[in-house]
Amino acid sequence: MVLKEIKVLDNKGLRAALASLMVKKAMSYDSEITIEYNGKKANAKSFINVLALNVPQGAVVALSAEGRDETLAAEGIEGFFNL
């Protein structure tokens, strides 16, 4: 399992457009990918679950990936928080 803490740099937080791209990317990995914020967890492959986290700019989220491509998955998803 790969665990990362990531600061959301986008000035609008994890908004719909960014979440949509991230979910599409997450679906390209075999690993289970989870994002946690403010005590709530979301499957990174679910657009609705990711949006429901309501992550603002400057927030720190916990990202976990588990599976055969977990390192690639974590690195790939981490990139969306640094746009």
Protein backbone atom coordinates (compact mmCIF):
# COMPACT_ATOMS: atom_id res chain seq x y z
CA MET A 1 0.00 0.00 0.00
CA VAL A 2 1.18 3.49 -0.87
CA LEU A 3 0.10 6.39 1.35
CA LYS A 4 0.62 10.08 0.59
CA GLU A 5 -0.47 13.35 2.12
CA ILE A 6 -1.09 15.95 -0.56
CA LYS A 7 -1.88 19.66 -0.39
CA VAL A 8 -4.51 20.85 -2.88
CA LEU A 9 -2.96 23.73 -4.79
CA ASP A 10 -5.74 24.58 -7.26
CA ASN A 11 -7.29 27.94 -6.39
CA LYS A 12 -10.80 26.42 -6.56
CA GLY A 13 -9.96 23.24 -4.67
CA LEU A 14 -10.97 19.86 -6.02
CA ARG A 15 -13.64 21.24 -8.36
CA ALA A 16 -15.78 19.33 -10.87
CA ALA A 17 -13.54 19.76 -13.93
CA LEU A 18 -10.43 18.63 -12.06
CA ALA A 19 -12.28 15.80 -10.32
CA SER A 20 -13.59 14.54 -13.65
CA LEU A 21 -10.09 14.32 -15.13
CA MET A 22 -8.72 12.71 -11.98
CA VAL A 23 -11.45 10.06 -11.89
CA LYS A 24 -10.83 9.22 -15.53
CA LYS A 25 -7.13 8.78 -14.77
CA ALA A 26 -7.87 6.74 -11.62
CA MET A 27 -9.98 4.35 -13.67
CA SER A 28 -6.95 3.54 -15.81
CA TYR A 29 -5.27 1.82 -12.83
CA ASP A 30 -6.03 -1.61 -11.42
CA SER A 31 -5.30 -0.54 -7.83
CA GLU A 32 -7.91 0.58 -5.34
CA ILE A 33 -7.40 4.31 -4.83
CA THR A 34 -8.91 6.22 -1.92
CA ILE A 35 -8.90 9.91 -1.04
CA GLU A 36 -9.64 11.00 2.52
CA TYR A 37 -10.47 14.50 3.69
CA ASN A 38 -11.98 15.77 6.91
CA GLY A 39 -12.82 12.27 8.15
CA LYS A 40 -14.58 11.22 4.93
CA LYS A 41 -13.24 8.69 2.42
CA ALA A 42 -13.96 8.52 -1.29
CA ASN A 43 -13.22 5.99 -3.98
CA ALA A 44 -11.08 7.97 -6.45
CA LYS A 45 -12.85 6.16 -9.29
CA SER A 46 -16.22 7.67 -8.34
CA PHE A 47 -16.89 11.23 -9.52
CA ILE A 48 -19.79 11.75 -7.11
CA ASN A 49 -17.82 10.44 -4.13
CA VAL A 50 -14.83 12.65 -4.93
CA LEU A 51 -17.00 15.78 -5.33
CA ALA A 52 -18.82 15.00 -2.08
CA LEU A 53 -15.55 15.47 -0.19
CA ASN A 54 -15.82 19.21 -0.98
CA VAL A 55 -12.06 19.74 -0.76
CA PRO A 56 -11.05 23.44 -0.73
CA GLN A 57 -7.80 25.05 -1.85
CA GLY A 58 -5.01 24.57 0.65
CA ALA A 59 -6.53 21.47 2.22
CA VAL A 60 -4.41 18.38 2.83
CA VAL A 61 -5.86 15.08 1.66
CA ALA A 62 -4.69 11.54 2.33
CA LEU A 63 -4.26 9.43 -0.78
CA SER A 64 -3.91 5.67 -0.61
CA ALA A 65 -3.41 3.17 -3.41
CA GLU A 66 -3.31 -0.59 -3.04
CA GLY A 67 -2.79 -3.13 -5.78
CA ARG A 68 -0.34 -4.30 -8.39
CA ASP A 69 0.22 -0.80 -9.86
CA GLU A 70 -0.13 1.11 -6.59
CA THR A 71 3.04 3.20 -6.97
CA LEU A 72 2.11 4.35 -10.47
CA ALA A 73 -1.47 5.00 -9.37
CA ALA A 74 -0.46 7.13 -6.39
CA GLU A 75 2.00 9.15 -8.44
CA GLY A 76 -0.47 9.60 -11.28
CA ILE A 77 -3.27 10.82 -9.04
CA GLU A 78 -0.95 13.01 -6.96
CA GLY A 79 -0.23 15.03 -10.10
CA PHE A 80 -3.83 16.23 -10.29
CA PHE A 81 -3.51 18.00 -6.94
CA ASN A 82 -0.50 19.97 -8.15
CA LEU A 83 -2.07 21.59 -11.22
